Protein backbone atom coordinates (compact mmCIF):
# COMPACT_ATOMS: atom_id res chain seq x y z
CA UNK A 1 -17.53 41.44 -16.27
CA UNK A 2 -17.15 38.74 -19.12
CA UNK A 3 -15.18 40.17 -21.14
CA UNK A 4 -12.61 40.99 -18.13
CA UNK A 5 -12.76 36.88 -16.53
CA UNK A 6 -12.38 35.84 -20.24
CA UNK A 7 -9.37 37.96 -20.62
CA UNK A 8 -7.76 37.18 -17.01
CA UNK A 9 -8.31 33.48 -17.27
CA UNK A 10 -8.38 32.92 -21.19
CA UNK A 11 -11.68 31.44 -21.16
CA UNK A 12 -11.58 31.05 -25.04
CA UNK A 13 -8.69 29.97 -25.55
CA UNK A 14 -9.02 27.20 -23.50
CA UNK A 15 -12.32 26.25 -24.85
CA UNK A 16 -14.36 26.86 -21.90
CA UNK A 17 -17.27 29.54 -20.52
CA UNK A 18 -17.84 31.06 -17.45
CA UNK A 19 -21.32 29.17 -16.28
CA UNK A 20 -19.11 25.65 -17.02
CA UNK A 21 -16.10 27.46 -14.83
CA UNK A 22 -18.46 28.27 -12.16
CA UNK A 23 -20.32 25.11 -11.98
CA UNK A 24 -16.86 23.09 -11.94
CA UNK A 25 -15.74 24.96 -9.06
CA UNK A 26 -18.61 24.43 -7.19
CA UNK A 27 -18.45 20.37 -7.81
CA UNK A 28 -14.72 21.18 -6.34
CA UNK A 29 -15.66 22.97 -3.26
CA UNK A 30 -18.77 19.86 -2.72
CA UNK A 31 -16.30 17.15 -2.77
CA UNK A 32 -13.50 18.91 -0.59
CA UNK A 33 -15.80 21.11 1.61
CA UNK A 34 -15.36 17.85 4.58
CA UNK A 35 -12.17 19.55 4.80
CA UNK A 36 -13.77 22.19 7.44
CA UNK A 37 -14.48 19.35 9.69
CA UNK A 38 -12.17 17.00 9.13
CA UNK A 39 -8.72 19.23 9.35
CA UNK A 40 -9.90 20.45 12.53
CA UNK A 41 -10.95 17.63 14.45
CA UNK A 42 -7.86 15.83 13.37
CA UNK A 43 -5.81 19.01 14.72
CA UNK A 44 -7.74 19.97 17.93
CA UNK A 45 -6.07 16.34 19.18
CA UNK A 46 -3.13 18.56 19.62
CA UNK A 47 -5.35 20.69 21.81
CA UNK A 48 -5.25 23.14 19.01
CA UNK A 49 -8.77 25.33 19.46
CA UNK A 50 -11.71 23.93 17.24
CA UNK A 51 -13.73 26.95 16.31
CA UNK A 52 -10.26 29.04 15.39
CA UNK A 53 -9.45 25.93 13.00
CA UNK A 54 -12.49 26.06 11.02
CA UNK A 55 -11.53 29.85 9.94
CA UNK A 56 -7.83 28.95 9.46
CA UNK A 57 -8.94 25.87 7.43
CA UNK A 58 -10.84 28.28 5.08
CA UNK A 59 -8.68 31.18 4.86
CA UNK A 60 -5.52 28.82 3.80
CA UNK A 61 -8.07 26.71 0.89
CA UNK A 62 -8.99 29.89 -0.65
CA UNK A 63 -6.00 32.12 -0.44
CA UNK A 64 -3.94 28.93 -1.48
CA UNK A 65 -6.27 28.16 -4.16
CA UNK A 66 -6.37 32.14 -5.43
CA UNK A 67 -2.97 32.02 -5.62
CA UNK A 68 -2.50 28.63 -7.75
CA UNK A 69 -4.65 30.15 -10.21
CA UNK A 70 -2.77 33.22 -10.20
CA UNK A 71 -0.01 32.01 -10.93
CA UNK A 72 -0.85 28.87 -13.07
CA UNK A 73 -4.27 29.72 -14.23
CA UNK A 74 -4.94 25.52 -13.47
CA UNK A 75 -8.05 24.16 -12.22
CA UNK A 76 -6.26 22.98 -9.08
CA UNK A 77 -7.67 24.08 -5.40
CA UNK A 78 -5.48 23.26 -2.20
CA UNK A 79 -6.35 23.09 1.78
CA UNK A 80 -4.62 21.34 4.72
CA UNK A 81 -3.45 18.44 3.92
CA UNK A 82 -5.10 15.16 4.80
CA UNK A 83 -2.39 12.58 6.09
CA UNK A 84 0.03 15.68 6.43
CA UNK A 85 -2.58 16.65 9.10
CA UNK A 86 -2.19 13.36 10.90
CA UNK A 87 1.45 13.41 11.02
CA UNK A 88 1.46 16.95 12.45
CA UNK A 89 -1.67 15.95 15.73
CA UNK A 90 -0.84 11.90 16.08
CA UNK A 91 2.70 11.45 15.38
CA UNK A 92 4.38 15.05 16.32
CA UNK A 93 2.46 16.54 18.89
CA UNK A 94 0.99 13.40 20.47
CA UNK A 95 3.14 10.65 19.25
CA UNK A 96 6.59 12.93 20.27
CA UNK A 97 5.19 15.22 22.77
CA UNK A 98 6.12 18.28 20.25
CA UNK A 99 3.86 21.48 21.34
CA UNK A 100 1.36 22.37 18.42
CA UNK A 101 3.39 25.84 18.37
CA UNK A 102 6.69 23.92 17.65
CA UNK A 103 5.24 21.54 15.57
CA UNK A 104 3.90 24.84 13.30
CA UNK A 105 7.66 26.48 13.81
CA UNK A 106 8.63 23.53 11.75
CA UNK A 107 6.04 23.60 9.04
CA UNK A 108 7.38 27.07 8.29
CA UNK A 109 10.79 25.98 7.81
CA UNK A 110 9.88 22.81 5.56
CA UNK A 111 7.57 25.78 3.58
CA UNK A 112 11.02 27.76 3.18
CA UNK A 113 12.78 24.44 2.09
CA UNK A 114 10.29 23.38 -0.18
CA UNK A 115 10.65 26.91 -1.82
CA UNK A 116 13.98 27.18 -1.94
CA UNK A 117 14.10 23.75 -3.67
CA UNK A 118 11.02 24.80 -6.24
CA UNK A 119 13.15 27.89 -7.20
CA UNK A 120 16.30 25.54 -8.01
CA UNK A 121 15.00 22.24 -9.22
CA UNK A 122 16.31 20.66 -6.59
CA UNK A 123 12.44 19.37 -5.04
CA UNK A 124 12.17 17.85 -9.16
CA UNK A 125 15.60 16.01 -8.32
CA UNK A 126 14.76 14.33 -4.81
CA UNK A 127 11.11 13.17 -6.09
CA UNK A 128 13.33 11.53 -8.58
CA UNK A 129 15.66 9.82 -6.17
CA UNK A 130 12.29 7.85 -4.36
CA UNK A 131 11.55 4.74 -6.35
CA UNK A 132 8.14 4.74 -7.85
CA UNK A 133 7.18 2.03 -6.18
CA UNK A 134 7.98 3.34 -2.58
CA UNK A 135 6.14 6.38 -3.48
CA UNK A 136 2.95 4.02 -4.58
CA UNK A 137 4.06 2.80 -0.87
CA UNK A 138 3.89 5.66 1.01
CA UNK A 139 0.43 6.96 -0.43
CA UNK A 140 -0.63 3.43 0.34
CA UNK A 141 0.33 3.57 3.71
CA UNK A 142 -0.92 6.89 4.61
CA UNK A 143 -4.37 5.88 3.20
CA UNK A 144 -4.72 2.99 5.76
CA UNK A 145 -3.24 5.24 8.60
CA UNK A 146 -6.25 7.77 7.78
CA UNK A 147 -8.66 4.92 7.58
CA UNK A 148 -7.32 4.06 10.88
CA UNK A 149 -7.78 6.95 12.84
CA UNK A 150 -11.47 7.12 11.04
CA UNK A 151 -12.28 4.10 12.63
CA UNK A 152 -10.82 5.05 15.89
CA UNK A 153 -12.27 8.03 15.75
CA UNK A 154 -15.74 6.37 14.91
CA UNK A 155 -15.59 3.87 17.81
CA UNK A 156 -15.22 0.85 15.95
CA UNK A 157 -12.25 -0.39 16.64
CA UNK A 158 -11.05 0.12 20.29
CA UNK A 159 -7.81 -0.41 21.97
CA UNK A 160 -7.20 -4.22 23.64
CA UNK A 161 -4.52 -4.89 26.51
CA UNK A 162 -4.65 -8.52 25.42
CA UNK A 163 -4.45 -7.74 21.76
CA UNK A 164 -3.73 -3.94 20.83
CA UNK A 165 -6.37 -3.44 18.96
CA UNK A 166 -10.13 -4.85 18.62
CA UNK A 167 -13.75 -4.46 17.03
CA UNK A 168 -15.38 -1.94 19.43
CA UNK A 169 -18.97 -2.27 20.86
CA UNK A 170 -21.47 -2.15 18.09
CA UNK A 171 -24.48 -2.55 20.81
CA UNK A 172 -23.28 1.66 20.89
CA UNK A 173 -26.03 3.48 18.37
CA UNK A 174 -23.24 6.09 17.77
CA UNK A 175 -21.12 3.26 16.58
CA UNK A 176 -23.55 1.62 14.38
CA UNK A 177 -24.49 4.87 13.05
CA UNK A 178 -20.94 5.71 11.92
CA UNK A 179 -20.26 2.14 10.30
CA UNK A 180 -23.60 3.33 8.23
CA UNK A 181 -21.98 6.27 7.23
CA UNK A 182 -19.06 4.07 5.35
CA UNK A 183 -21.53 2.41 3.64
CA UNK A 184 -23.35 5.27 2.77
CA UNK A 185 -20.25 7.01 1.45
CA UNK A 186 -19.28 4.33 -0.27
CA UNK A 187 -22.50 3.72 -1.97
CA UNK A 188 -22.57 7.60 -2.82
CA UNK A 189 -18.80 7.48 -4.14
CA UNK A 190 -19.70 4.23 -6.30
CA UNK A 191 -22.50 5.37 -8.18
CA UNK A 192 -20.24 8.58 -8.27
CA UNK A 193 -22.36 11.17 -6.90
CA UNK A 194 -20.72 14.87 -7.12
CA UNK A 195 -20.11 15.34 -3.49
CA UNK A 196 -20.83 12.31 -1.88
CA UNK A 197 -18.34 12.74 1.10
CA UNK A 198 -19.82 16.09 2.38
CA UNK A 199 -23.36 14.49 1.88
CA UNK A 200 -22.78 11.89 3.87
CA UNK A 201 -21.23 14.11 6.61
CA UNK A 202 -24.68 15.75 6.82
CA UNK A 203 -26.71 12.88 6.37
CA UNK A 204 -24.93 11.22 9.48
CA UNK A 205 -25.01 14.73 11.33
CA UNK A 206 -29.05 15.14 10.83
CA UNK A 207 -29.24 11.16 11.94
CA UNK A 208 -27.34 11.67 14.76
CA UNK A 209 -29.83 14.40 16.20
CA UNK A 210 -32.26 11.72 17.07
CA UNK A 211 -29.64 8.78 17.38
CA UNK A 212 -28.45 8.29 21.26
CA UNK A 213 -25.21 8.68 22.25
CA UNK A 214 -25.76 6.17 25.62
CA UNK A 215 -24.61 8.92 28.11
CA UNK A 216 -28.09 10.27 28.02
CA UNK A 217 -28.24 12.30 24.87
CA UNK A 218 -27.79 12.72 21.01
CA UNK A 219 -24.68 11.67 19.03
CA UNK A 220 -25.49 15.59 17.45
CA UNK A 221 -25.90 18.41 19.72
CA UNK A 222 -28.12 21.21 18.25
CA UNK A 223 -25.95 24.01 17.63
CA UNK A 224 -26.94 27.08 19.69
CA UNK A 225 -27.45 28.90 15.97
CA UNK A 226 -27.17 28.45 12.11
CA UNK A 227 -24.79 31.40 10.94
CA UNK A 228 -22.28 33.23 13.01
CA UNK A 229 -19.34 35.32 12.15
CA UNK A 230 -16.32 33.53 11.51
CA UNK A 231 -14.43 32.92 14.57
CA UNK A 232 -11.23 35.08 14.86
CA UNK A 233 -8.09 32.95 13.68
CA UNK A 234 -6.20 34.61 16.38
CA UNK A 235 -5.73 31.51 18.92
CA UNK A 236 -3.50 30.06 16.06
CA UNK A 237 -2.16 32.61 14.34
CA UNK A 238 1.38 33.94 13.93
CA UNK A 239 1.59 31.64 17.38
CA UNK A 240 4.64 29.49 15.77
CA UNK A 241 7.92 29.12 17.33
CA UNK A 242 11.16 27.54 16.86
CA UNK A 243 11.91 25.98 20.31
CA UNK A 244 12.62 22.15 19.08
CA UNK A 245 15.00 23.58 16.13
CA UNK A 246 17.22 25.73 18.26
CA UNK A 247 16.99 23.07 21.27
CA UNK A 248 16.68 19.13 19.92
CA UNK A 249 17.96 19.71 16.03
CA UNK A 250 18.50 15.73 16.04
CA UNK A 251 14.66 15.69 16.93
CA UNK A 252 13.67 18.40 14.66
CA UNK A 253 15.70 17.01 11.25
CA UNK A 254 13.85 13.75 10.59
CA UNK A 255 10.38 15.52 11.28
CA UNK A 256 11.12 18.02 8.61
CA UNK A 257 12.21 15.75 5.97
CA UNK A 258 8.89 13.18 6.46
CA UNK A 259 7.17 16.82 6.25
CA UNK A 260 8.82 17.18 3.26
CA UNK A 261 8.66 14.06 1.84
CA UNK A 262 5.11 13.29 2.08
CA UNK A 263 4.45 16.84 0.98
CA UNK A 264 6.55 16.44 -2.50
CA UNK A 265 4.29 13.01 -2.90
CA UNK A 266 1.33 14.96 -1.99
CA UNK A 267 1.51 17.66 -4.50
CA UNK A 268 3.28 16.08 -7.31
CA UNK A 269 0.96 13.00 -7.34
CA UNK A 270 -2.36 15.39 -7.61
CA UNK A 271 -0.63 18.15 -9.78
CA UNK A 272 0.13 15.32 -12.33
CA UNK A 273 -3.08 13.24 -11.68
CA UNK A 274 -5.25 16.30 -12.34
CA UNK A 275 -4.03 18.59 -15.12
CA UNK A 276 -3.46 15.52 -16.94
CA UNK A 277 -6.68 14.56 -16.40
CA UNK A 278 -7.69 18.21 -17.59
CA UNK A 279 -5.55 17.70 -21.08
CA UNK A 280 -3.24 19.98 -19.58
CA UNK A 281 0.08 18.21 -20.35
CA UNK A 282 1.98 18.69 -23.50
CA UNK A 283 2.90 15.99 -25.96
CA UNK A 284 5.82 15.00 -24.14
CA UNK A 285 3.54 14.26 -20.99
CA UNK A 286 5.46 17.38 -19.21
CA UNK A 287 2.97 20.16 -17.58
CA UNK A 288 3.73 24.10 -18.96
CA UNK A 289 4.16 26.51 -16.10
CA UNK A 290 4.93 23.16 -13.28
CA UNK A 291 8.08 25.57 -11.95
CA UNK A 292 4.98 28.01 -11.28
CA UNK A 293 2.74 25.35 -9.55
CA UNK A 294 5.73 24.23 -7.57
CA UNK A 295 6.15 27.60 -5.81
CA UNK A 296 2.47 28.27 -5.33
CA UNK A 297 2.03 25.27 -2.93
CA UNK A 298 5.38 25.99 -1.53
CA UNK A 299 4.13 29.52 -0.54
CA UNK A 300 0.81 27.96 0.51
CA UNK A 301 2.96 25.88 2.62
CA UNK A 302 4.37 29.11 4.48
CA UNK A 303 1.29 30.69 4.78
CA UNK A 304 -0.61 27.65 6.43
CA UNK A 305 2.62 27.86 9.30
CA UNK A 306 1.64 31.47 9.78
CA UNK A 307 -2.37 31.17 10.08
CA UNK A 308 -1.98 28.03 11.99
CA UNK A 309 -2.06 25.05 9.95
CA UNK A 310 -0.82 21.78 8.98
CA UNK A 311 0.93 21.60 5.89
CA UNK A 312 -1.25 22.99 2.72
CA UNK A 313 -1.02 20.65 -0.50
CA UNK A 314 -3.20 19.98 -3.90
CA UNK A 315 -6.08 18.54 -3.39
CA UNK A 316 -7.24 15.38 -5.69
CA UNK A 317 -10.79 16.50 -5.36
CA UNK A 318 -9.91 19.23 -7.96
CA UNK A 319 -10.31 16.38 -10.41
CA UNK A 320 -14.08 16.22 -9.49
CA UNK A 321 -14.48 19.93 -11.57
CA UNK A 322 -12.05 19.07 -13.87
CA UNK A 323 -14.89 16.48 -14.76
CA UNK A 324 -17.58 18.90 -14.29
CA UNK A 325 -15.75 20.79 -17.19
CA UNK A 326 -13.45 23.11 -14.81
CA UNK A 327 -10.41 24.36 -17.09
CA UNK A 328 -9.39 27.62 -15.94
CA UNK A 329 -7.98 29.07 -12.47
CA UNK A 330 -11.40 30.38 -12.50
CA UNK A 331 -12.57 26.89 -11.45
CA UNK A 332 -10.30 27.28 -8.70
CA UNK A 333 -11.85 31.03 -7.90
CA UNK A 334 -15.10 29.98 -7.97
CA UNK A 335 -13.83 27.70 -4.81
CA UNK A 336 -12.58 29.97 -2.79
CA UNK A 337 -14.97 32.25 -2.69
CA UNK A 338 -17.35 29.56 -1.73
CA UNK A 339 -14.58 28.59 1.35
CA UNK A 340 -15.06 31.73 2.56
CA UNK A 341 -18.78 31.78 2.55
CA UNK A 342 -18.93 28.35 4.42
CA UNK A 343 -16.84 30.40 7.41
CA UNK A 344 -20.46 31.95 8.19
CA UNK A 345 -21.64 28.44 8.92
CA UNK A 346 -18.93 27.83 11.74
CA UNK A 347 -21.82 26.74 14.18
CA UNK A 348 -22.87 24.07 12.39
CA UNK A 349 -19.93 22.44 11.31
CA UNK A 350 -18.27 22.79 15.31
CA UNK A 351 -22.04 20.23 15.71
CA UNK A 352 -20.88 17.74 13.21
CA UNK A 353 -20.13 14.47 15.42
CA UNK A 354 -16.95 12.34 15.09
CA UNK A 355 -19.60 9.82 13.77
CA UNK A 356 -19.77 11.75 11.00
CA UNK A 357 -16.31 12.80 10.15
CA UNK A 358 -14.55 9.25 10.72
CA UNK A 359 -16.24 7.50 7.36
CA UNK A 360 -14.75 10.87 5.67
CA UNK A 361 -11.36 9.74 7.09
CA UNK A 362 -12.01 6.17 6.09
CA UNK A 363 -13.23 6.32 2.43
CA UNK A 364 -10.25 9.43 1.85
CA UNK A 365 -7.84 6.42 2.93
CA UNK A 366 -9.15 3.98 0.65
CA UNK A 367 -8.91 6.50 -2.13
CA UNK A 368 -5.10 6.90 -1.33
CA UNK A 369 -4.98 2.91 -0.46
CA UNK A 370 -5.79 2.49 -4.46
CA UNK A 371 -2.62 3.17 -5.85
CA UNK A 372 -2.00 -0.47 -4.41
CA UNK A 373 -3.20 -1.33 -7.81
CA UNK A 374 -0.17 -0.15 -9.65
CA UNK A 375 2.38 -1.57 -7.45
CA UNK A 376 4.75 -4.69 -9.31
CA UNK A 377 5.41 -7.18 -6.31
CA UNK A 378 7.85 -9.68 -8.39
CA UNK A 379 11.18 -8.11 -7.03
CA UNK A 380 11.19 -9.34 -3.37
CA UNK A 381 13.49 -6.57 -2.67
CA UNK A 382 10.98 -4.10 -3.69
CA UNK A 383 8.30 -5.90 -2.15
CA UNK A 384 9.99 -5.98 0.89
CA UNK A 385 10.52 -2.26 1.82
CA UNK A 386 6.72 -1.77 0.44
CA UNK A 387 5.38 -3.92 2.74
CA UNK A 388 7.44 -2.38 5.33
CA UNK A 389 5.97 1.21 4.32
CA UNK A 390 2.57 0.22 3.76
CA UNK A 391 2.57 -1.81 7.14
CA UNK A 392 4.59 0.29 9.30
CA UNK A 393 3.47 3.62 8.89
CA UNK A 394 -0.29 2.60 10.67
CA UNK A 395 1.25 0.11 12.99
CA UNK A 396 3.53 2.31 14.57
CA UNK A 397 1.30 5.34 14.18
CA UNK A 398 3.91 7.15 12.24
CA UNK A 399 4.43 8.61 8.66
CA UNK A 400 7.83 8.99 9.44
CA UNK A 401 8.62 5.59 10.85
CA UNK A 402 6.77 3.69 8.50
CA UNK A 403 9.03 5.72 5.47
CA UNK A 404 11.80 5.09 7.49
CA UNK A 405 11.73 1.50 7.51
CA UNK A 406 10.88 1.06 4.33
CA UNK A 407 13.72 3.36 2.54
CA UNK A 408 16.43 1.21 5.08
CA UNK A 409 15.41 -2.07 3.72
CA UNK A 410 15.19 -0.59 0.58
CA UNK A 411 18.73 0.61 0.64
CA UNK A 412 20.17 -2.86 2.54
CA UNK A 413 18.34 -5.06 0.21
CA UNK A 414 19.60 -3.35 -3.21
CA UNK A 415 23.38 -2.95 -1.57
CA UNK A 416 23.65 -6.41 -0.03
CA UNK A 417 22.22 -8.04 -3.59
CA UNK A 418 24.87 -6.17 -5.62
CA UNK A 419 21.98 -4.31 -7.08
CA UNK A 420 23.28 -0.59 -5.64
CA UNK A 421 23.25 0.63 -9.32
CA UNK A 422 19.66 0.59 -9.45
CA UNK A 423 18.39 3.77 -7.58
CA UNK A 424 19.99 6.75 -7.23
CA UNK A 425 22.84 7.82 -4.64
CA UNK A 426 20.63 10.30 -3.09
CA UNK A 427 17.79 7.30 -2.01
CA UNK A 428 21.14 6.17 -0.11
CA UNK A 429 21.50 9.45 1.61
CA UNK A 430 17.78 9.60 2.60
CA UNK A 431 17.73 6.17 3.52
CA UNK A 432 21.04 7.18 5.93
CA UNK A 433 19.31 9.87 7.72
CA UNK A 434 16.25 7.92 8.95
CA UNK A 435 18.71 5.06 9.95
CA UNK A 436 20.56 7.76 11.84
CA UNK A 437 17.37 9.14 13.51
CA UNK A 438 16.63 5.71 14.73
CA UNK A 439 20.41 5.53 15.76
CA UNK A 440 20.14 8.74 18.30
CA UNK A 441 17.11 6.72 19.59
CA UNK A 442 18.77 3.66 20.50
CA UNK A 443 22.00 5.43 22.17
CA UNK A 444 19.61 8.00 24.27
CA UNK A 445 18.13 4.85 25.75
CA UNK A 446 21.46 3.48 26.06
CA UNK A 447 23.06 6.76 27.81
């Protein structure tokens, strides 16, 4: 068996061993296992069945991660993406009134376009067309959006008719437990404890068994069993439809464009960041087999729509496995197997309360917001669009609207200041698409 694994994953060639790869895969799983609880918690807001979502989340993560390892032999793990799942549930389904079945249809179309763009090389050109500073702003804006959702789910912030939002009731034990979970996770992350997020989720869940929910019960409800057979994925599998695309193309196109943009930024940023850390880039800073990696995550996006979840992306948590010594696809294979084994813990995962998953959202949001350190804010023609994106995404509760505001402002400022050549013509095309989307909404209200 060891000789077979060595040949398949080229362990000697990559200077690694089977025990090291297995440990790295377990480390990656521990770092991203929170998605098994958090993804269903977010998507269930769009009226999708939580139990089926746990199964689908694990299946898509396992299959996609195995596919990436098979095509590239890179230590990358994939799963339904944070940020894109929030966009799917809160913007597309709840905000725009699109059924989750139709939204899955748009995810499928996005995956097919993604695959075509990856095979033809156009994907890299689109990515290059978006100014680097705006890419950083999008990452930060999505980070704030995810953190805001976490604070809302945990009751730390709540709606207010006078001030739109206000602080929650800190006299409620559940709210205090959630805030304690945020502090605990932050401390564990700061101390570089492996699997900090999942450890915090477990700690808050256990504490919730004895903390009152203020309604006569406890924050965490004791599960009926510890183990069970995985829930059937049938309630979400192959439930996608294309009604929105067929009957309201003007509404569907901006959604697909946003899915493409967010998906591209997530995957490319993670791909380069993790592989650079693993020493897989060549002397020119380019990634060998980049085309295969892009094809793998494109197929994963299609798979996610068929099984019934938002888009699957490469996970930055893969870096934790790299830090533990992972260098090949065997790391990903180990992570994939652990995702499948976790399916037998579905009753426990369903019992995890919002007070335990909300801190994970806040911390993931903080991770994403760290990109602000790379920004240069000395050019107002870029600072203004950056601000509109970062503020627009969480305040409008829409990733699409935030990106649109920033791109439109960027194009107008460059044109108005005689600096049109500062960016690619494709940037102006993207800004025009978002402008047409806003004009469509305006004319729809007028007429």
